[in-house]
Amino acid sequence: IGGEEFAILRPDCDLDCARELASQLRECIAGIDGRTNGASFEVSASFGVSSSADSGYDLDRLLAHADHALYASKHAGRNRVNVYDSSMAEVAQAP
């Protein structure tokens, strides 16, 4: 976590809840008015979601899985939400 990345840890929030939260946050960020001083810019965000139900309760593993999903979002065109699945780890480990 650093630079332009952050994490949200939510107890009592299953994978569907986490996906929905990330989608709502992405939509809110995309709705930011980027007009200032006659210039205009778009604001977007990519999200990676992981769950202790799939990744276990090890924080490093949860964050690594969320990171794999985040980079899958970025590689798929940005401004989207991806949920971790085991195929993402295989892609991350490929040479």
Protein backbone atom coordinates (compact mmCIF):
# COMPACT_ATOMS: atom_id res chain seq x y z
CA ILE A 1 0.00 0.00 0.00
CA GLY A 2 1.54 3.27 -1.01
CA GLY A 3 1.57 6.01 -3.55
CA GLU A 4 -1.88 6.03 -5.05
CA GLU A 5 -3.02 2.76 -3.46
CA PHE A 6 -5.07 2.18 -0.32
CA ALA A 7 -6.83 -0.71 1.40
CA ILE A 8 -10.18 -1.04 3.10
CA LEU A 9 -10.67 -3.87 5.59
CA ARG A 10 -14.31 -4.52 6.49
CA PRO A 11 -15.34 -7.04 9.14
CA ASP A 12 -18.71 -8.70 8.55
CA CYS A 13 -18.56 -7.93 4.83
CA ASP A 14 -18.61 -10.91 2.47
CA LEU A 15 -17.30 -10.92 -1.08
CA ASP A 16 -20.54 -9.58 -2.57
CA CYS A 17 -20.57 -6.76 -0.02
CA ALA A 18 -16.94 -5.92 -0.80
CA ARG A 19 -17.55 -5.97 -4.56
CA GLU A 20 -20.56 -3.69 -4.16
CA LEU A 21 -18.64 -1.28 -1.91
CA ALA A 22 -15.78 -1.09 -4.44
CA SER A 23 -18.27 -0.52 -7.28
CA GLN A 24 -19.99 2.29 -5.37
CA LEU A 25 -16.66 3.94 -4.57
CA ARG A 26 -15.56 3.65 -8.21
CA GLU A 27 -18.80 5.28 -9.37
CA CYS A 28 -18.45 8.11 -6.82
CA ILE A 29 -14.88 8.79 -7.90
CA ALA A 30 -15.87 8.72 -11.59
CA GLY A 31 -18.54 11.32 -10.80
CA ILE A 32 -16.05 13.89 -9.52
CA ASP A 33 -16.30 17.15 -11.45
CA GLY A 34 -12.88 17.55 -13.02
CA ARG A 35 -13.38 21.06 -14.37
CA THR A 36 -11.11 23.71 -12.94
CA ASN A 37 -9.72 26.99 -14.24
CA GLY A 38 -11.00 26.31 -17.75
CA ALA A 39 -9.37 22.88 -17.91
CA SER A 40 -11.09 19.54 -17.68
CA PHE A 41 -9.89 16.13 -16.57
CA GLU A 42 -11.44 12.77 -15.79
CA VAL A 43 -10.96 11.01 -12.48
CA SER A 44 -11.13 7.22 -12.37
CA ALA A 45 -10.16 4.39 -10.05
CA SER A 46 -9.39 0.71 -10.40
CA PHE A 47 -10.13 -1.70 -7.56
CA GLY A 48 -8.96 -5.16 -6.60
CA VAL A 49 -11.07 -7.13 -4.12
CA SER A 50 -10.13 -10.17 -2.06
CA SER A 51 -11.92 -12.00 0.73
CA SER A 52 -10.79 -13.90 3.80
CA ALA A 53 -13.23 -16.62 2.72
CA ASP A 54 -10.97 -17.31 -0.29
CA SER A 55 -7.62 -15.89 0.81
CA GLY A 56 -7.61 -16.81 4.49
CA TYR A 57 -6.89 -14.53 7.41
CA ASP A 58 -3.25 -13.79 6.62
CA LEU A 59 -3.05 -10.04 5.95
CA ASP A 60 -0.11 -10.35 3.56
CA ARG A 61 -2.01 -12.92 1.48
CA LEU A 62 -5.22 -10.84 1.50
CA LEU A 63 -3.30 -7.78 0.30
CA ALA A 64 -1.37 -9.77 -2.32
CA HIS A 65 -4.59 -11.21 -3.71
CA ALA A 66 -6.24 -7.78 -3.77
CA ASP A 67 -3.13 -6.47 -5.55
CA HIS A 68 -3.38 -9.22 -8.21
CA ALA A 69 -7.03 -8.26 -8.77
CA LEU A 70 -6.12 -4.56 -8.90
CA TYR A 71 -3.54 -5.12 -11.61
CA ALA A 72 -6.02 -7.27 -13.53
CA SER A 73 -8.37 -4.25 -13.42
CA LYS A 74 -5.63 -1.97 -14.71
CA HIS A 75 -4.64 -4.37 -17.49
CA ALA A 76 -8.28 -4.77 -18.54
CA GLY A 77 -8.59 -1.06 -19.24
CA ARG A 78 -8.74 0.63 -15.84
CA ASN A 79 -11.73 2.21 -14.08
CA ARG A 80 -13.18 -1.14 -13.02
CA VAL A 81 -13.51 -3.59 -10.15
CA ASN A 82 -12.01 -7.08 -10.26
CA VAL A 83 -12.36 -9.81 -7.65
CA TYR A 84 -9.40 -12.09 -7.00
CA ASP A 85 -9.48 -15.64 -8.31
CA SER A 86 -6.69 -18.20 -8.37
CA SER A 87 -5.99 -17.72 -12.09
CA MET A 88 -4.70 -14.22 -11.29
CA ALA A 89 -1.91 -15.70 -9.16
CA GLU A 90 -0.89 -17.94 -12.06
CA VAL A 91 -0.67 -14.92 -14.38
CA ALA A 92 1.33 -12.95 -11.79
CA GLN A 93 3.84 -15.80 -11.51
CA ALA A 94 4.24 -16.32 -15.26
CA PRO A 95 7.65 -15.28 -16.66
